[in-house]
N, C-alpha and C. Protein backbone atom coordinates (compact mmCIF):
# COMPACT_ATOMS: atom_id res chain seq x y z
N MET A 1 105.47 80.43 112.00
CA MET A 1 104.59 81.58 111.42
C MET A 1 103.60 81.72 111.85
N SER A 2 102.78 82.13 111.91
CA SER A 2 100.78 81.87 111.99
C SER A 2 100.51 83.06 110.65
N GLU A 3 99.33 82.65 110.59
CA GLU A 3 98.34 83.65 109.60
C GLU A 3 98.40 84.97 109.94
N GLY A 4 98.40 84.97 111.40
CA GLY A 4 97.63 86.40 111.81
C GLY A 4 98.97 87.45 111.31
N LYS A 5 100.53 86.98 111.54
CA LYS A 5 101.56 87.74 111.18
C LYS A 5 101.35 88.05 109.43
N TYR A 6 101.05 87.13 108.59
CA TYR A 6 100.97 87.42 107.08
C TYR A 6 99.96 88.42 106.88
N GLY A 7 98.54 88.02 107.63
CA GLY A 7 97.65 88.84 107.19
C GLY A 7 98.03 90.34 108.03
N LEU A 8 98.71 90.58 109.32
CA LEU A 8 98.86 91.74 109.70
C LEU A 8 99.77 92.47 108.32
N ALA A 9 100.72 91.62 107.71
CA ALA A 9 101.91 92.11 107.06
C ALA A 9 100.95 92.48 105.63
N TYR A 10 99.83 91.76 105.47
CA TYR A 10 99.29 92.08 104.02
C TYR A 10 98.15 93.47 104.36
N ASP A 11 98.01 93.53 105.31
CA ASP A 11 96.98 94.62 105.61
C ASP A 11 97.84 95.72 105.57
N ALA A 12 98.56 95.74 106.52
CA ALA A 12 99.94 96.64 106.38
C ALA A 12 100.23 97.02 104.70
N GLY A 13 100.57 96.43 104.44
CA GLY A 13 100.99 96.64 102.80
C GLY A 13 99.78 97.46 101.78
N VAL A 14 98.64 96.50 101.96
CA VAL A 14 97.28 97.58 101.29
C VAL A 14 97.25 98.89 101.90
N LEU A 15 97.37 99.25 103.15
CA LEU A 15 97.22 100.25 103.76
C LEU A 15 98.36 101.37 103.37
N ALA A 16 99.78 100.81 102.94
CA ALA A 16 100.90 101.84 102.74
C ALA A 16 100.62 102.01 101.20
N LEU A 17 100.59 101.04 100.49
CA LEU A 17 100.04 101.52 98.90
C LEU A 17 98.91 102.45 98.59
N THR A 18 97.47 102.66 99.69
CA THR A 18 96.79 103.29 99.37
C THR A 18 96.94 104.73 100.09
N GLN A 19 97.66 104.81 100.98
CA GLN A 19 98.42 106.20 101.58
C GLN A 19 99.35 106.46 100.50
N GLN A 20 100.09 105.83 99.77
CA GLN A 20 101.09 106.36 98.65
C GLN A 20 100.16 107.08 97.44
N ASP A 21 98.78 106.47 97.27
CA ASP A 21 98.14 107.04 96.35
C ASP A 21 97.61 108.20 96.40
N GLY A 22 96.87 108.29 97.83
CA GLY A 22 96.60 109.38 98.43
C GLY A 22 97.71 110.58 98.42
N THR A 23 98.75 110.64 98.92
CA THR A 23 100.10 111.22 98.84
C THR A 23 100.05 111.82 97.33
N LEU A 24 99.89 110.94 96.52
CA LEU A 24 100.37 111.61 94.95
C LEU A 24 99.35 112.13 94.37
N GLY A 25 98.05 111.91 94.73
CA GLY A 25 97.13 112.73 94.59
C GLY A 25 97.30 114.07 95.08
N GLY A 26 97.55 113.96 96.41
CA GLY A 26 97.58 115.57 97.00
C GLY A 26 98.61 116.18 96.70
N LEU A 27 99.95 115.78 95.73
CA LEU A 27 100.79 116.53 95.72
C LEU A 27 100.73 116.95 94.17
N ARG A 28 99.74 116.18 93.28
CA ARG A 28 99.06 116.51 92.26
C ARG A 28 98.45 117.70 92.43
N ASN A 29 97.37 117.71 93.14
CA ASN A 29 96.49 119.26 93.88
C ASN A 29 97.36 120.54 94.41
N ARG A 30 98.80 119.75 94.97
CA ARG A 30 99.72 121.22 95.25
C ARG A 30 100.35 121.52 94.08
N ALA A 31 100.60 120.79 93.05
CA ALA A 31 101.36 121.20 91.95
C ALA A 31 100.61 121.99 91.17
N THR A 32 99.12 121.79 90.90
CA THR A 32 98.44 122.67 89.83
C THR A 32 97.99 124.25 90.46
N GLY A 33 97.83 124.03 92.49
CA GLY A 33 97.80 125.16 92.75
C GLY A 33 98.82 125.93 92.37
N LEU A 34 99.97 125.64 92.42
CA LEU A 34 101.62 126.39 92.59
C LEU A 34 101.86 126.77 91.28
N PHE A 35 101.16 126.31 90.12
CA PHE A 35 101.19 126.42 88.90
C PHE A 35 100.48 127.78 88.66
N THR A 36 99.24 127.79 89.19
CA THR A 36 97.64 128.73 89.00
C THR A 36 98.29 129.90 89.80
N VAL A 37 99.49 130.12 91.11
CA VAL A 37 99.90 131.01 91.63
C VAL A 37 100.93 131.89 90.75
N SER A 38 101.58 130.82 90.39
CA SER A 38 102.47 131.53 89.22
C SER A 38 102.37 132.51 88.08
N THR A 39 101.22 131.56 87.48
CA THR A 39 100.15 132.32 86.47
C THR A 39 99.95 133.33 86.87
N LEU A 40 98.90 133.75 87.92
CA LEU A 40 98.53 134.93 88.56
C LEU A 40 99.75 135.68 88.44
N ILE A 41 100.53 135.65 89.43
CA ILE A 41 101.72 136.50 89.72
C ILE A 41 101.95 137.00 88.56
N ALA A 42 102.46 135.90 87.56
CA ALA A 42 102.99 136.69 86.40
C ALA A 42 102.26 137.57 85.47
N SER A 43 101.07 137.00 85.52
CA SER A 43 100.06 137.60 84.70
C SER A 43 99.76 139.69 84.97
N PHE A 44 99.21 139.32 86.47
CA PHE A 44 98.97 140.57 87.02
C PHE A 44 100.35 141.51 87.19
N SER A 45 101.15 141.09 87.46
CA SER A 45 102.61 141.68 87.84
C SER A 45 102.44 142.54 86.35
N SER A 46 103.15 141.40 85.40
CA SER A 46 103.40 142.12 83.73
C SER A 46 102.01 143.11 83.33
N THR A 47 100.98 142.89 83.48
CA THR A 47 100.44 144.02 82.89
C THR A 47 100.75 144.85 84.11
N ILE A 48 100.65 145.02 85.02
CA ILE A 48 100.80 146.47 85.63
C ILE A 48 102.27 147.00 85.38
N GLY A 49 103.31 146.24 85.03
CA GLY A 49 104.76 146.51 84.83
C GLY A 49 104.17 147.06 83.08
N LEU A 50 103.53 146.70 82.40
CA LEU A 50 102.89 147.40 81.01
C LEU A 50 102.85 148.30 80.90
N VAL A 51 101.55 148.51 81.35
CA VAL A 51 100.56 149.46 81.49
C VAL A 51 101.30 151.12 82.37
N GLN A 52 101.96 150.83 83.23
CA GLN A 52 102.58 151.97 83.99
C GLN A 52 102.74 152.74 83.26
N ASN A 53 102.52 153.91 82.89
CA ASN A 53 103.24 155.04 81.96
C ASN A 53 104.75 155.79 82.40
N ASN A 54 104.38 155.78 83.57
CA ASN A 54 105.51 156.51 84.42
C ASN A 54 106.67 156.17 84.45
N HIS A 55 106.42 154.78 85.37
CA HIS A 55 107.71 154.07 85.42
C HIS A 55 107.45 152.56 85.16
N PRO A 56 107.60 152.04 83.67
CA PRO A 56 107.05 151.06 83.56
C PRO A 56 108.48 149.82 83.63
N TRP A 57 108.06 148.75 83.62
CA TRP A 57 109.63 147.22 84.42
C TRP A 57 110.21 147.54 82.98
N PRO A 58 111.39 147.25 83.35
CA PRO A 58 112.24 146.71 82.32
C PRO A 58 112.16 145.38 81.65
N SER A 59 112.54 145.38 80.48
CA SER A 59 111.81 143.79 79.96
C SER A 59 112.81 142.89 80.36
N GLY A 60 113.82 143.13 81.29
CA GLY A 60 114.81 141.83 82.36
C GLY A 60 113.68 141.41 83.17
N VAL A 61 112.65 142.21 84.11
CA VAL A 61 111.97 141.90 84.60
C VAL A 61 110.82 140.88 84.11
N LEU A 62 110.48 141.45 83.22
CA LEU A 62 109.27 140.56 82.16
C LEU A 62 109.52 139.15 81.92
N TRP A 63 110.92 139.24 81.48
CA TRP A 63 111.34 138.10 80.92
C TRP A 63 111.98 137.13 82.47
N GLY A 64 112.13 137.68 83.31
CA GLY A 64 112.43 136.99 84.48
C GLY A 64 111.14 136.07 85.02
N LEU A 65 110.15 136.96 84.78
CA LEU A 65 108.56 136.51 85.31
C LEU A 65 108.38 135.16 84.34
N LEU A 66 108.60 135.53 83.03
CA LEU A 66 107.91 133.93 82.04
C LEU A 66 109.08 133.39 82.43
N ALA A 67 110.33 133.35 82.60
CA ALA A 67 111.05 132.41 82.91
C ALA A 67 110.69 131.69 84.03
N ALA A 68 110.08 131.97 85.24
CA ALA A 68 109.58 131.92 86.11
C ALA A 68 108.57 130.86 86.20
N LEU A 69 107.82 131.66 85.25
CA LEU A 69 106.15 130.91 85.37
C LEU A 69 106.76 129.44 84.36
N ILE A 70 107.76 129.42 83.20
CA ILE A 70 107.91 128.38 82.52
C ILE A 70 108.70 127.17 83.32
N VAL A 71 109.28 127.47 84.53
CA VAL A 71 110.07 126.30 85.17
C VAL A 71 109.13 126.05 86.17
N VAL A 72 108.07 126.75 86.82
CA VAL A 72 107.20 126.48 87.52
C VAL A 72 106.29 125.32 86.62
N GLY A 73 105.69 126.14 85.88
CA GLY A 73 105.01 125.14 84.93
C GLY A 73 105.47 123.30 84.86
N TRP A 74 106.54 123.67 84.30
CA TRP A 74 107.84 122.39 83.93
C TRP A 74 107.80 121.45 85.08
N CYS A 75 107.97 122.10 86.23
CA CYS A 75 108.11 121.49 87.63
C CYS A 75 106.35 120.92 88.11
N ALA A 76 105.22 121.25 87.82
CA ALA A 76 104.39 121.40 88.01
C ALA A 76 103.75 119.99 86.79
N MET A 77 104.49 120.07 85.66
CA MET A 77 104.02 119.03 84.85
C MET A 77 104.86 118.00 85.37
N LYS A 78 106.01 117.73 85.43
CA LYS A 78 106.53 116.76 85.94
C LYS A 78 105.97 116.01 87.41
N ILE A 79 105.17 116.43 87.82
CA ILE A 79 104.61 116.13 89.23
C ILE A 79 102.98 115.50 88.65
N VAL A 80 102.52 116.18 87.79
CA VAL A 80 101.06 115.93 87.00
C VAL A 80 101.00 114.49 86.34
N TYR A 81 102.54 114.63 85.55
CA TYR A 81 102.48 113.84 84.38
C TYR A 81 102.01 112.31 84.74
N PRO A 82 101.42 111.22 84.54
CA PRO A 82 101.20 110.16 85.11
C PRO A 82 102.37 109.32 85.19
N GLU A 83 102.59 108.71 86.24
CA GLU A 83 103.44 107.45 86.43
C GLU A 83 103.66 106.35 86.18
N SER A 84 104.38 105.55 85.31
CA SER A 84 104.16 104.77 84.27
C SER A 84 104.51 103.78 84.96
N SER A 85 105.60 103.70 85.92
CA SER A 85 106.14 102.74 86.83
C SER A 85 105.47 102.50 88.26
N TRP A 86 104.37 103.51 88.83
CA TRP A 86 103.42 103.22 89.51
C TRP A 86 102.86 101.68 90.03
N ASP A 87 103.05 100.95 91.03
CA ASP A 87 103.06 100.07 91.19
C ASP A 87 101.89 99.54 92.16
N TRP A 88 100.97 99.06 92.06
CA TRP A 88 99.79 98.85 93.05
C TRP A 88 100.04 97.43 93.53
N GLY A 89 101.07 96.47 93.90
CA GLY A 89 101.31 95.39 94.39
C GLY A 89 100.51 94.09 93.37
N PRO A 90 100.48 92.98 94.00
CA PRO A 90 99.85 91.91 93.10
C PRO A 90 97.98 92.20 93.46
N GLY A 91 97.39 91.83 92.17
CA GLY A 91 96.67 91.87 91.84
C GLY A 91 95.43 90.67 91.98
N PRO A 92 94.11 90.90 92.24
CA PRO A 92 93.55 89.91 92.64
C PRO A 92 93.80 88.89 91.61
N ALA A 93 93.98 88.83 90.08
CA ALA A 93 94.02 87.57 89.29
C ALA A 93 95.06 87.20 89.87
N GLU A 94 96.26 87.98 90.41
CA GLU A 94 97.32 87.13 90.61
C GLU A 94 97.38 86.00 91.83
N LEU A 95 96.71 87.17 92.95
CA LEU A 95 96.83 86.13 94.22
C LEU A 95 95.62 84.60 93.68
N LEU A 96 94.67 84.87 92.72
CA LEU A 96 94.23 83.85 92.90
C LEU A 96 94.89 82.82 92.24
N MET A 97 95.79 82.87 90.89
CA MET A 97 96.36 82.19 90.30
C MET A 97 97.39 81.51 91.03
N ALA A 98 98.09 81.96 91.87
CA ALA A 98 99.24 81.69 93.08
C ALA A 98 99.33 80.27 93.32
N SER A 99 100.04 79.73 93.62
CA SER A 99 100.46 78.32 94.21
C SER A 99 100.53 78.54 95.41
N GLY A 100 99.93 77.38 96.10
CA GLY A 100 100.22 77.43 97.31
C GLY A 100 99.54 77.52 98.33
N ASP A 101 99.23 77.11 99.66
CA ASP A 101 98.42 77.42 100.72
C ASP A 101 98.07 78.81 100.72
N ASP A 102 97.01 79.20 101.40
CA ASP A 102 96.76 80.84 101.65
C ASP A 102 97.64 81.34 102.56
N LEU A 103 98.45 80.73 103.27
CA LEU A 103 99.91 81.11 104.38
C LEU A 103 100.67 81.79 102.90
N THR A 104 101.11 80.72 102.13
CA THR A 104 102.22 81.05 101.44
C THR A 104 101.65 81.76 100.42
N VAL A 105 100.78 82.09 100.23
CA VAL A 105 100.12 83.04 99.03
C VAL A 105 100.29 84.67 99.78
N ARG A 106 99.55 84.67 100.89
CA ARG A 106 99.81 86.22 101.53
C ARG A 106 101.26 86.60 102.08
N HIS A 107 102.12 85.21 102.13
CA HIS A 107 103.53 85.91 102.59
C HIS A 107 103.87 86.45 100.92
N ALA A 108 103.63 85.55 99.87
CA ALA A 108 104.22 86.07 98.79
C ALA A 108 103.46 87.63 98.47
N ALA A 109 101.99 87.71 98.62
CA ALA A 109 101.75 88.51 98.36
C ALA A 109 102.46 90.59 99.18
N ALA A 110 102.45 89.99 100.48
CA ALA A 110 103.14 90.79 100.86
C ALA A 110 104.21 91.53 101.07
N LYS A 111 105.31 90.32 100.20
CA LYS A 111 106.39 90.49 100.06
C LYS A 111 106.40 91.30 98.72
N ALA A 112 105.78 91.13 98.12
CA ALA A 112 105.74 92.03 96.22
C ALA A 112 105.05 93.58 96.91
N MET A 113 104.48 93.73 98.02
CA MET A 113 104.08 94.87 97.95
C MET A 113 105.25 95.82 98.89
N ILE A 114 105.76 95.21 99.03
CA ILE A 114 106.96 95.80 100.09
C ILE A 114 107.83 96.31 98.75
N GLY A 115 108.09 95.17 97.89
CA GLY A 115 108.79 95.94 96.59
C GLY A 115 108.24 96.98 95.79
N ALA A 116 106.68 96.88 95.66
CA ALA A 116 106.07 97.89 95.36
C ALA A 116 106.11 99.27 96.03
N ILE A 117 105.94 99.02 97.46
CA ILE A 117 106.08 100.34 98.44
C ILE A 117 107.31 100.92 98.05
N GLU A 118 108.47 100.56 97.88
CA GLU A 118 110.07 101.05 97.81
C GLU A 118 109.82 102.00 96.65
N ARG A 119 109.02 101.17 95.22
CA ARG A 119 109.56 101.47 94.19
C ARG A 119 108.61 102.69 94.17
N ASN A 120 107.27 102.57 94.59
CA ASN A 120 106.78 103.98 94.37
C ASN A 120 107.32 105.07 95.83
N ASP A 121 107.77 104.68 96.86
CA ASP A 121 108.52 105.66 97.45
C ASP A 121 109.65 106.63 96.58
N ARG A 122 110.43 105.82 95.36
CA ARG A 122 111.20 106.69 94.91
C ARG A 122 110.62 107.59 93.97
N ALA A 123 109.18 106.80 93.21
CA ALA A 123 108.41 108.00 92.54
C ALA A 123 108.14 109.10 92.94
N LEU A 124 107.54 108.85 94.28
CA LEU A 124 107.00 110.32 94.88
C LEU A 124 108.07 111.06 95.73
N ASN A 125 109.38 110.64 95.50
CA ASN A 125 110.96 111.17 95.81
C ASN A 125 111.03 112.26 94.85
N LYS A 126 111.01 111.59 93.51
CA LYS A 126 111.37 112.52 92.43
C LYS A 126 110.25 113.78 92.54
N ARG A 127 109.23 113.17 92.83
CA ARG A 127 107.76 114.72 92.99
C ARG A 127 108.24 115.35 93.30
N PHE A 128 108.40 114.99 94.58
CA PHE A 128 109.01 115.65 95.85
C PHE A 128 109.89 116.90 95.49
N PHE A 129 110.73 116.45 95.09
CA PHE A 129 111.79 117.26 94.67
C PHE A 129 111.77 117.93 93.62
N TRP A 130 110.52 117.82 92.45
CA TRP A 130 109.93 118.80 91.49
C TRP A 130 109.40 119.79 92.14
N TYR A 131 108.51 119.59 93.07
CA TYR A 131 107.88 120.29 94.10
C TYR A 131 108.70 121.19 95.07
N GLU A 132 109.58 120.99 95.40
CA GLU A 132 110.45 121.88 95.92
C GLU A 132 111.32 122.90 94.94
N VAL A 133 111.58 122.31 94.27
CA VAL A 133 112.07 123.09 92.97
C VAL A 133 110.78 124.26 92.75
N GLY A 134 109.75 123.65 92.46
CA GLY A 134 108.95 124.71 91.85
C GLY A 134 108.52 126.07 93.07
N VAL A 135 108.26 125.37 94.47
CA VAL A 135 108.44 126.40 95.59
C VAL A 135 109.23 127.37 95.52
N VAL A 136 110.68 126.73 95.40
CA VAL A 136 111.63 127.89 95.53
C VAL A 136 111.90 128.70 94.07
N VAL A 137 111.17 128.51 93.12
CA VAL A 137 111.03 129.21 92.02
C VAL A 137 109.76 130.33 92.10
N LEU A 138 108.63 129.90 92.66
CA LEU A 138 107.69 130.77 92.83
C LEU A 138 108.15 131.61 94.09
N LEU A 139 108.85 131.07 95.20
CA LEU A 139 109.04 132.11 95.83
C LEU A 139 110.03 133.51 95.16
N PHE A 140 111.23 133.21 93.96
CA PHE A 140 112.08 133.95 93.29
C PHE A 140 111.12 134.91 92.65
N GLU A 141 109.90 134.35 91.87
CA GLU A 141 108.92 135.39 90.94
C GLU A 141 108.53 136.04 91.90
N THR A 142 107.87 135.74 93.15
CA THR A 142 107.46 136.54 94.43
C THR A 142 108.27 137.79 94.72
N MET A 143 109.67 137.26 94.79
CA MET A 143 110.54 138.51 95.47
C MET A 143 110.80 139.62 94.08
N LEU A 144 110.97 139.11 92.98
CA LEU A 144 111.04 139.64 91.65
C LEU A 144 110.05 140.29 91.27
N VAL A 145 108.82 140.41 91.55
CA VAL A 145 107.33 141.41 91.57
C VAL A 145 107.74 142.19 92.72
N VAL A 146 108.17 141.74 94.08
CA VAL A 146 108.05 142.83 94.87
C VAL A 146 109.20 143.88 94.99
N ALA A 147 110.71 143.74 94.56
CA ALA A 147 111.29 144.22 94.23
C ALA A 147 111.37 145.22 92.83
N ALA A 148 111.13 144.88 91.83
CA ALA A 148 110.32 145.27 90.56
C ALA A 148 109.44 146.28 91.20
N GLY A 149 108.91 146.06 91.93
CA GLY A 149 107.21 147.31 92.57
C GLY A 149 108.05 148.21 93.23
N ILE A 150 108.99 147.97 93.96
CA ILE A 150 109.40 149.20 94.81
C ILE A 150 110.58 149.97 94.13
N ALA A 151 111.31 149.06 93.01
CA ALA A 151 112.03 149.61 92.31
C ALA A 151 111.44 150.82 91.51
N TYR A 152 110.80 150.89 90.72
CA TYR A 152 110.00 150.93 89.50
C TYR A 152 108.76 151.71 89.83
N ARG A 153 108.60 152.23 91.12
CA ARG A 153 107.03 152.74 91.22
C ARG A 153 107.17 154.31 91.03
């Protein structure tokens, strides 16, 4: 096996870990956006429901909005909260202290990155699940507001 193969594997591992970090950052940004939209929907619609004198919204609708906001907030927190098991692969100190020739070290580093990529994928998939739950609850929240707006106008 040539050094080129291990060099390619190492470079691919570095790229994959970098892409995973970008994916996590993007997902965190979307989660904060999801929570922001949910907050705006709940606050504006509950204000409309509370100040509308002719046809006020029943408290069940307002409690439903609060419940949806809490669930979306929980989902966003599960996504934004720091990931303690996030793995960056071998660090520079580990590589320098590794025994063996350069080929052996590159091989070991590439294998370590494969494990890190797999662990990070599991962490990302958990966060994707919570994002999907948040989106579904936001859809429910939106439908609740539209239904209440139609029913109590």
